[in-house]
Amino acid sequence: MKRIVLITLVSILTAIEAIAQIANGYYRVQNNASSRYITIRDNQVGTVDYSSTNVDLSNIVTWRGFDYVKSAPSSIVYVEQHGSQYDLKTQGTSLYDITSKRTYIDLLPRDGGTYVISVSYGGVTGRLYDSEEDEDEGYVKRTGNAAYQNWKFVKVDTDNNYIGLQPTVQIGDSYYGTLYASYPFKASSKGLKFYYIDAVAEGQCRLQEITSEVIPAATPVIFMCSSNNPANNKVTPVTDKTTALENNLLSGTYFARTSGHKVNVRYDEATMRVLGKNEAGELAFVKGTKANLTSSHYIPANTCWLNIPSEYTGNFKVLSSGDYTGIRNINADTKTTKADGTIYTLTGTKANAKALRPGLYIKDGKKVVIK
């Protein structure tokens, strides 16, 4: 009888432990007391005191409200199990990285399906608490009210905890935006299309559609959709192995933090353009303004920019492969146009005049054939 009871008890405990474990996958992490979600605003490793597990956690910010995080890649956390411990990975970094790669974390189950996030090192244990202030924006800390140490791991889905893209530019009935996310993903809403830029010339750039089902991780892309509502522009993060795109002239950034660690990309008008409209109301990569930059000077987090040669100026109309010519714009006032003999390829790249292969080129604004 005792043996049966013991076996039953072991079975129950094993079942409870299995339930308590969190499977590898994509989640949002929400504090049970404040209802705020964890987001990460930079990947800088700050001061780490291992004798007291005192770690600089200022790059972790909490936000209240699903409306804020529904379009924020910084709120998507990949939970990865390492033995009995875990790593929380997001935005190209992780809690393991933030602790200077010294330790993983423990997830201790609590009532109501919540977990305590615990870090132990050198015999000292610290826990992750949300701040207690009743504000939409919060911060995490190592000590606090016990109620604020309980976190819910909510699995990402396409229903109530979805990722929805928020476009920034409307052209007719279509909407566009740029995205730079650390996870591979695929469209789960109809009508979503993804593109990149593979060629640029004066005044124009060439758009190429990504035809693969899965968009590779860390790939700067342009997306097109038919709605301004993120609920109609859902994507699903996946774990598929992918290959990076070739010849992508877009670059992206995860962060636009202008205080504290100051991890950001400063906009440079000589070599960068951001998605917008040209004077004719057409989709184009245009010069950055206060309206489309963070703090007037920085590329917004999780967005992209177009890299342009420094000798080019103005805006760059986005054209399909069929419409793109790669021919540099010609000044209409031919009397003031100076012919300098420079030769360009049809993609707008300056060619070596002494080593030209047979083909079609642009010289002094005109097509020439080299045989």
Protein backbone atom coordinates (compact mmCIF):
# COMPACT_ATOMS: atom_id res chain seq x y z
CA MET A 1 0.00 0.00 0.00
CA LYS A 2 2.81 2.43 0.90
CA ARG A 3 4.53 1.58 -2.38
CA ILE A 4 1.36 2.41 -4.34
CA VAL A 5 0.95 5.71 -2.48
CA LEU A 6 4.62 6.58 -3.09
CA ILE A 7 4.36 5.79 -6.81
CA THR A 8 1.17 7.85 -7.04
CA LEU A 9 2.82 10.79 -5.23
CA VAL A 10 5.85 10.67 -7.53
CA SER A 11 3.56 10.58 -10.57
CA ILE A 12 1.62 13.61 -9.33
CA LEU A 13 4.77 15.58 -8.60
CA THR A 14 6.20 14.68 -12.01
CA ALA A 15 2.99 15.81 -13.69
CA ILE A 16 3.00 19.10 -11.75
CA GLU A 17 6.64 19.72 -12.73
CA ALA A 18 5.84 19.03 -16.39
CA ILE A 19 2.93 21.47 -16.26
CA ALA A 20 5.09 24.09 -14.56
CA GLN A 21 7.72 24.03 -17.28
CA ILE A 22 7.42 26.49 -20.14
CA ALA A 23 7.92 25.15 -23.64
CA ASN A 24 10.36 26.83 -26.00
CA GLY A 25 8.56 29.41 -28.08
CA TYR A 26 7.52 33.04 -28.53
CA TYR A 27 5.75 34.82 -25.68
CA ARG A 28 4.90 38.18 -24.23
CA VAL A 29 5.77 38.52 -20.55
CA GLN A 30 3.18 40.44 -18.51
CA ASN A 31 3.36 41.41 -14.85
CA ASN A 32 0.40 40.01 -12.95
CA ALA A 33 0.02 43.02 -10.61
CA SER A 34 0.72 45.98 -12.92
CA SER A 35 -0.55 44.38 -16.18
CA ARG A 36 2.48 45.90 -17.92
CA TYR A 37 4.45 43.99 -20.55
CA ILE A 38 8.22 43.62 -20.71
CA THR A 39 9.93 45.35 -23.64
CA ILE A 40 13.62 45.92 -24.28
CA ARG A 41 14.97 49.26 -25.47
CA ASP A 42 18.69 48.50 -25.91
CA ASN A 43 21.19 45.64 -25.82
CA GLN A 44 23.89 47.39 -23.82
CA VAL A 45 25.45 45.40 -20.99
CA GLY A 46 25.79 47.79 -18.07
CA THR A 47 27.36 47.41 -14.64
CA VAL A 48 27.28 43.86 -13.28
CA ASP A 49 28.19 43.10 -9.64
CA TYR A 50 28.33 39.31 -9.43
CA SER A 51 28.95 39.27 -5.68
CA SER A 52 25.41 40.61 -5.16
CA THR A 53 23.79 39.73 -8.53
CA ASN A 54 23.33 43.47 -8.96
CA VAL A 55 22.76 43.83 -12.71
CA ASP A 56 21.99 47.00 -14.66
CA LEU A 57 18.45 46.32 -15.90
CA SER A 58 17.68 49.80 -17.23
CA ASN A 59 17.34 48.45 -20.76
CA ILE A 60 14.17 46.56 -19.75
CA VAL A 61 11.04 48.72 -19.75
CA THR A 62 7.46 47.67 -18.99
CA TRP A 63 4.40 49.06 -20.80
CA ARG A 64 0.73 48.81 -19.91
CA GLY A 65 -1.82 48.05 -22.59
CA PHE A 66 -1.91 45.61 -25.47
CA ASP A 67 -2.51 48.51 -27.87
CA TYR A 68 1.08 49.61 -27.23
CA VAL A 69 2.81 46.25 -27.55
CA LYS A 70 0.71 44.66 -30.33
CA SER A 71 3.02 46.16 -32.99
CA ALA A 72 6.23 46.21 -30.94
CA PRO A 73 8.86 43.58 -31.82
CA SER A 74 10.59 44.59 -28.57
CA SER A 75 7.77 42.86 -26.65
CA ILE A 76 8.30 39.46 -28.31
CA VAL A 77 10.35 37.15 -26.08
CA TYR A 78 11.67 33.79 -27.16
CA VAL A 79 11.83 31.41 -24.18
CA GLU A 80 14.65 28.92 -24.56
CA GLN A 81 15.19 26.13 -22.08
CA HIS A 82 18.71 25.21 -20.91
CA GLY A 83 18.45 22.15 -18.69
CA SER A 84 16.27 23.19 -15.77
CA GLN A 85 16.91 26.88 -16.48
CA TYR A 86 15.90 29.34 -19.19
CA ASP A 87 17.06 32.22 -21.32
CA LEU A 88 14.75 35.01 -22.45
CA LYS A 89 15.82 36.23 -25.90
CA THR A 90 14.64 39.31 -27.76
CA GLN A 91 15.87 42.14 -30.02
CA GLY A 92 19.16 40.41 -30.75
CA THR A 93 20.06 40.02 -27.08
CA SER A 94 18.91 38.09 -24.00
CA LEU A 95 18.91 38.08 -20.22
CA TYR A 96 21.91 35.76 -20.47
CA ASP A 97 23.72 38.42 -22.50
CA ILE A 98 22.68 41.18 -20.10
CA THR A 99 24.25 39.23 -17.22
CA SER A 100 27.47 39.17 -19.26
CA LYS A 101 26.89 35.49 -20.19
CA ARG A 102 27.40 34.30 -16.61
CA THR A 103 24.07 32.66 -15.78
CA TYR A 104 20.66 31.60 -17.01
CA ILE A 105 17.45 32.21 -15.06
CA ASP A 106 15.02 30.09 -13.08
CA LEU A 107 11.28 30.31 -13.66
CA LEU A 108 9.56 29.41 -10.39
CA PRO A 109 5.85 28.52 -10.79
CA ARG A 110 3.30 30.33 -8.65
CA ASP A 111 -0.48 30.25 -8.33
CA GLY A 112 -2.61 31.36 -11.26
CA GLY A 113 -0.13 30.20 -13.87
CA THR A 114 2.39 32.92 -13.04
CA TYR A 115 6.16 32.63 -12.57
CA VAL A 116 8.86 34.30 -10.53
CA ILE A 117 11.92 35.19 -12.65
CA SER A 118 14.92 34.34 -10.47
CA VAL A 119 18.64 34.83 -11.10
CA SER A 120 21.26 33.12 -8.91
CA TYR A 121 25.00 33.64 -9.01
CA GLY A 122 27.72 33.12 -6.41
CA GLY A 123 25.22 31.90 -3.83
CA VAL A 124 23.14 35.08 -4.08
CA THR A 125 19.65 35.08 -5.60
CA GLY A 126 17.83 38.03 -7.11
CA ARG A 127 14.33 38.32 -8.55
CA LEU A 128 12.74 40.49 -11.21
CA TYR A 129 10.02 42.88 -9.98
CA ASP A 130 7.99 45.44 -11.87
CA SER A 131 7.80 48.96 -10.45
CA GLU A 132 4.76 49.74 -8.33
CA GLU A 133 3.89 53.18 -9.71
CA ASP A 134 0.48 53.36 -11.39
CA GLU A 135 1.85 54.58 -14.73
CA ASP A 136 1.65 53.24 -18.27
CA GLU A 137 5.46 53.05 -18.41
CA GLY A 138 7.37 51.15 -15.75
CA TYR A 139 10.76 49.63 -15.09
CA VAL A 140 12.09 46.42 -13.57
CA LYS A 141 14.15 46.12 -10.40
CA ARG A 142 15.66 43.47 -8.11
CA THR A 143 13.55 44.15 -5.01
CA GLY A 144 9.97 45.24 -4.43
CA ASN A 145 6.45 44.35 -3.42
CA ALA A 146 5.99 40.57 -3.54
CA ALA A 147 2.88 40.93 -5.70
CA TYR A 148 4.99 42.55 -8.43
CA GLN A 149 7.34 39.58 -8.79
CA ASN A 150 4.76 37.37 -10.52
CA TRP A 151 4.84 37.26 -14.34
CA LYS A 152 2.55 35.66 -16.89
CA PHE A 153 4.08 34.10 -20.00
CA VAL A 154 1.44 34.57 -22.70
CA LYS A 155 2.13 32.59 -25.86
CA VAL A 156 2.03 34.57 -29.09
CA ASP A 157 -0.92 33.61 -31.30
CA THR A 158 -3.07 35.07 -34.08
CA ASP A 159 -6.13 35.75 -31.90
CA ASN A 160 -5.66 37.73 -28.68
CA ASN A 161 -1.88 37.96 -28.32
CA TYR A 162 -0.95 38.61 -31.93
CA ILE A 163 1.76 40.63 -33.68
CA GLY A 164 0.19 43.19 -36.00
CA LEU A 165 2.11 45.52 -38.32
CA GLN A 166 1.43 49.26 -38.16
CA PRO A 167 1.97 51.00 -41.52
CA THR A 168 3.17 54.60 -41.68
CA VAL A 169 2.51 55.63 -45.30
CA GLN A 170 -0.73 55.52 -47.32
CA ILE A 171 -0.68 55.58 -51.12
CA GLY A 172 -4.22 55.30 -52.53
CA ASP A 173 -5.84 52.20 -51.05
CA SER A 174 -2.52 50.65 -50.03
CA TYR A 175 -0.50 51.10 -46.84
CA TYR A 176 3.25 50.71 -46.39
CA GLY A 177 5.79 50.56 -43.61
CA THR A 178 9.24 49.19 -42.82
CA LEU A 179 10.14 46.50 -40.32
CA TYR A 180 13.29 45.14 -38.71
CA ALA A 181 12.64 42.24 -36.33
CA SER A 182 15.03 39.75 -34.74
CA TYR A 183 12.81 36.73 -35.41
CA PRO A 184 11.88 35.02 -38.69
CA PHE A 185 8.16 35.33 -39.46
CA LYS A 186 5.46 34.70 -42.03
CA ALA A 187 2.25 36.50 -42.90
CA SER A 188 -0.89 35.20 -41.19
CA SER A 189 -3.25 37.86 -42.62
CA LYS A 190 -4.26 37.96 -46.26
CA GLY A 191 -2.91 40.73 -48.48
CA LEU A 192 0.42 41.22 -46.67
CA LYS A 193 3.42 41.45 -48.99
CA PHE A 194 7.09 42.03 -48.22
CA TYR A 195 9.80 43.68 -50.32
CA TYR A 196 13.38 44.86 -50.32
CA ILE A 197 15.44 47.29 -52.43
CA ASP A 198 18.22 45.86 -54.57
CA ALA A 199 19.23 48.80 -56.81
CA VAL A 200 19.33 52.58 -56.59
CA ALA A 201 19.99 55.39 -59.06
CA GLU A 202 19.50 59.13 -58.91
CA GLY A 203 15.83 59.72 -58.09
CA GLN A 204 14.73 56.08 -58.09
CA CYS A 205 15.16 52.69 -56.43
CA ARG A 206 14.10 49.19 -57.43
CA LEU A 207 11.58 47.18 -55.41
CA GLN A 208 11.84 43.39 -55.27
CA GLU A 209 9.15 41.19 -53.74
CA ILE A 210 10.20 38.49 -51.29
CA THR A 211 8.52 35.35 -52.58
CA SER A 212 9.56 32.92 -49.84
CA GLU A 213 6.91 32.12 -47.23
CA VAL A 214 9.21 32.93 -44.30
CA ILE A 215 10.95 36.28 -43.94
CA PRO A 216 14.45 35.68 -42.50
CA ALA A 217 15.35 36.99 -39.05
CA ALA A 218 17.12 40.36 -38.88
CA THR A 219 16.03 41.26 -42.41
CA PRO A 220 15.10 44.91 -43.10
CA VAL A 221 11.95 44.89 -45.24
CA ILE A 222 9.18 47.05 -46.65
CA PHE A 223 5.68 45.69 -46.11
CA MET A 224 2.48 46.48 -48.00
CA CYS A 225 -1.02 45.88 -46.66
CA SER A 226 -4.59 46.98 -47.33
CA SER A 227 -5.42 48.19 -43.82
CA ASN A 228 -4.17 50.73 -41.30
CA ASN A 229 -5.34 48.46 -38.48
CA PRO A 230 -2.64 46.12 -37.09
CA ALA A 231 -5.36 43.57 -36.29
CA ASN A 232 -5.67 43.04 -40.05
CA ASN A 233 -1.90 42.84 -40.62
CA LYS A 234 -0.85 39.88 -38.49
CA VAL A 235 2.41 37.98 -38.75
CA THR A 236 3.49 34.79 -37.00
CA PRO A 237 7.04 34.35 -35.63
CA VAL A 238 8.59 31.00 -36.50
CA THR A 239 11.80 29.11 -35.80
CA ASP A 240 12.53 28.03 -39.38
CA LYS A 241 16.13 28.18 -40.54
CA THR A 242 16.42 30.85 -43.22
CA THR A 243 18.96 32.37 -45.56
CA ALA A 244 19.67 36.08 -45.58
CA LEU A 245 18.67 38.08 -48.67
CA GLU A 246 21.36 39.09 -51.13
CA ASN A 247 21.81 42.62 -52.47
CA ASN A 248 19.44 44.20 -49.95
CA LEU A 249 20.24 47.94 -49.80
CA LEU A 250 18.03 48.43 -46.74
CA SER A 251 19.47 48.50 -43.23
CA GLY A 252 17.58 48.34 -39.95
CA THR A 253 17.91 49.04 -36.25
CA TYR A 254 16.31 47.49 -33.17
CA PHE A 255 16.87 50.49 -30.94
CA ALA A 256 16.39 54.26 -30.80
CA ARG A 257 17.29 55.04 -27.21
CA THR A 258 18.45 58.63 -26.79
CA SER A 259 19.12 58.64 -23.03
CA GLY A 260 20.85 56.31 -20.61
CA HIS A 261 22.79 53.80 -22.68
CA LYS A 262 22.06 55.81 -25.87
CA VAL A 263 21.92 52.93 -28.34
CA ASN A 264 20.64 54.31 -31.65
CA VAL A 265 21.37 55.07 -35.30
CA ARG A 266 21.72 58.75 -36.15
CA TYR A 267 20.20 59.78 -39.46
CA ASP A 268 22.70 60.99 -42.07
CA GLU A 269 21.13 62.92 -44.95
CA ALA A 270 24.17 62.30 -47.18
CA THR A 271 23.79 58.50 -47.19
CA MET A 272 20.33 57.62 -45.83
CA ARG A 273 16.64 57.95 -46.77
CA VAL A 274 13.49 56.84 -44.92
CA LEU A 275 10.17 55.61 -46.30
CA GLY A 276 7.62 58.31 -47.13
CA LYS A 277 6.07 60.21 -50.04
CA ASN A 278 7.69 62.43 -52.65
CA GLU A 279 6.22 65.76 -53.78
CA ALA A 280 3.99 63.96 -56.27
CA GLY A 281 2.48 61.83 -53.48
CA GLU A 282 4.24 58.67 -54.67
CA LEU A 283 5.93 56.06 -52.49
CA ALA A 284 9.56 57.05 -52.11
CA PHE A 285 12.52 57.04 -49.79
CA VAL A 286 12.80 60.64 -48.68
CA LYS A 287 14.92 62.87 -46.48
CA GLY A 288 14.26 62.43 -42.79
CA THR A 289 12.22 65.03 -40.88
CA LYS A 290 11.07 65.52 -37.31
CA ALA A 291 7.87 63.71 -38.26
CA ASN A 292 9.58 60.44 -39.23
CA LEU A 293 12.65 60.46 -36.96
CA THR A 294 12.99 59.81 -33.23
CA SER A 295 13.96 62.91 -31.25
CA SER A 296 14.46 64.70 -34.61
CA HIS A 297 17.74 62.90 -35.36
CA TYR A 298 17.46 59.09 -35.06
CA ILE A 299 16.03 56.19 -37.05
CA PRO A 300 12.95 54.85 -35.18
CA ALA A 301 13.29 51.51 -33.44
CA ASN A 302 12.54 48.37 -35.50
CA THR A 303 12.42 50.28 -38.78
CA CYS A 304 14.64 50.52 -41.85
CA TRP A 305 16.37 53.05 -44.05
CA LEU A 306 17.71 53.03 -47.61
CA ASN A 307 21.46 53.33 -48.09
CA ILE A 308 22.35 55.66 -50.96
CA PRO A 309 25.67 56.67 -52.55
CA SER A 310 26.86 60.01 -51.17
CA GLU A 311 26.96 61.56 -54.66
CA TYR A 312 23.17 61.19 -55.01
CA THR A 313 20.70 63.80 -53.76
CA GLY A 314 16.96 64.27 -53.36
CA ASN A 315 14.27 61.63 -52.95
CA PHE A 316 14.15 58.14 -54.46
CA LYS A 317 10.89 57.01 -56.00
CA VAL A 318 10.11 53.34 -55.35
CA LEU A 319 9.67 51.54 -58.68
CA SER A 320 8.91 47.98 -59.72
CA SER A 321 11.51 46.00 -61.67
CA GLY A 322 9.63 46.72 -64.89
CA ASP A 323 9.58 50.48 -64.35
CA TYR A 324 13.07 50.89 -62.93
CA THR A 325 15.62 52.05 -65.51
CA GLY A 326 18.68 52.74 -63.40
CA ILE A 327 19.34 55.84 -65.51
CA ARG A 328 20.48 58.90 -63.64
CA ASN A 329 18.12 61.86 -63.86
CA ILE A 330 19.15 64.46 -66.46
CA ASN A 331 18.94 68.16 -65.73
CA ALA A 332 16.33 69.67 -68.06
CA ASP A 333 18.52 72.73 -68.59
CA THR A 334 21.05 71.20 -70.98
CA LYS A 335 22.96 74.46 -71.23
CA THR A 336 24.06 74.15 -67.63
CA THR A 337 24.58 70.40 -67.64
CA LYS A 338 28.25 69.59 -67.39
CA ALA A 339 29.45 66.46 -69.18
CA ASP A 340 32.19 64.90 -67.09
CA GLY A 341 32.57 61.64 -69.04
CA THR A 342 31.71 59.47 -66.00
CA ILE A 343 30.24 56.10 -66.97
CA TYR A 344 27.54 54.29 -64.97
CA THR A 345 25.92 50.87 -65.17
CA LEU A 346 22.15 50.66 -65.66
CA THR A 347 21.78 50.18 -61.89
CA GLY A 348 23.42 53.56 -61.29
CA THR A 349 26.79 52.25 -60.10
CA LYS A 350 29.89 54.14 -61.23
CA ALA A 351 31.86 51.95 -63.65
CA ASN A 352 35.59 51.67 -64.24
CA ALA A 353 36.04 53.26 -67.69
CA LYS A 354 39.28 51.35 -68.25
CA ALA A 355 37.79 47.90 -67.65
CA LEU A 356 34.37 47.94 -69.27
CA ARG A 357 32.79 44.73 -70.46
CA PRO A 358 30.54 44.75 -73.56
CA GLY A 359 27.08 46.04 -72.72
CA LEU A 360 24.81 49.03 -72.20
CA TYR A 361 26.00 51.94 -70.02
CA ILE A 362 25.11 55.56 -69.19
CA LYS A 363 27.56 58.31 -70.09
CA ASP A 364 26.83 62.02 -69.63
CA GLY A 365 23.14 61.21 -69.21
CA LYS A 366 22.89 59.17 -72.42
CA LYS A 367 22.87 55.45 -73.17
CA VAL A 368 26.01 54.13 -74.84
CA VAL A 369 26.83 50.65 -76.11
CA ILE A 370 30.24 49.17 -75.42
CA LYS A 371 31.12 46.36 -77.87
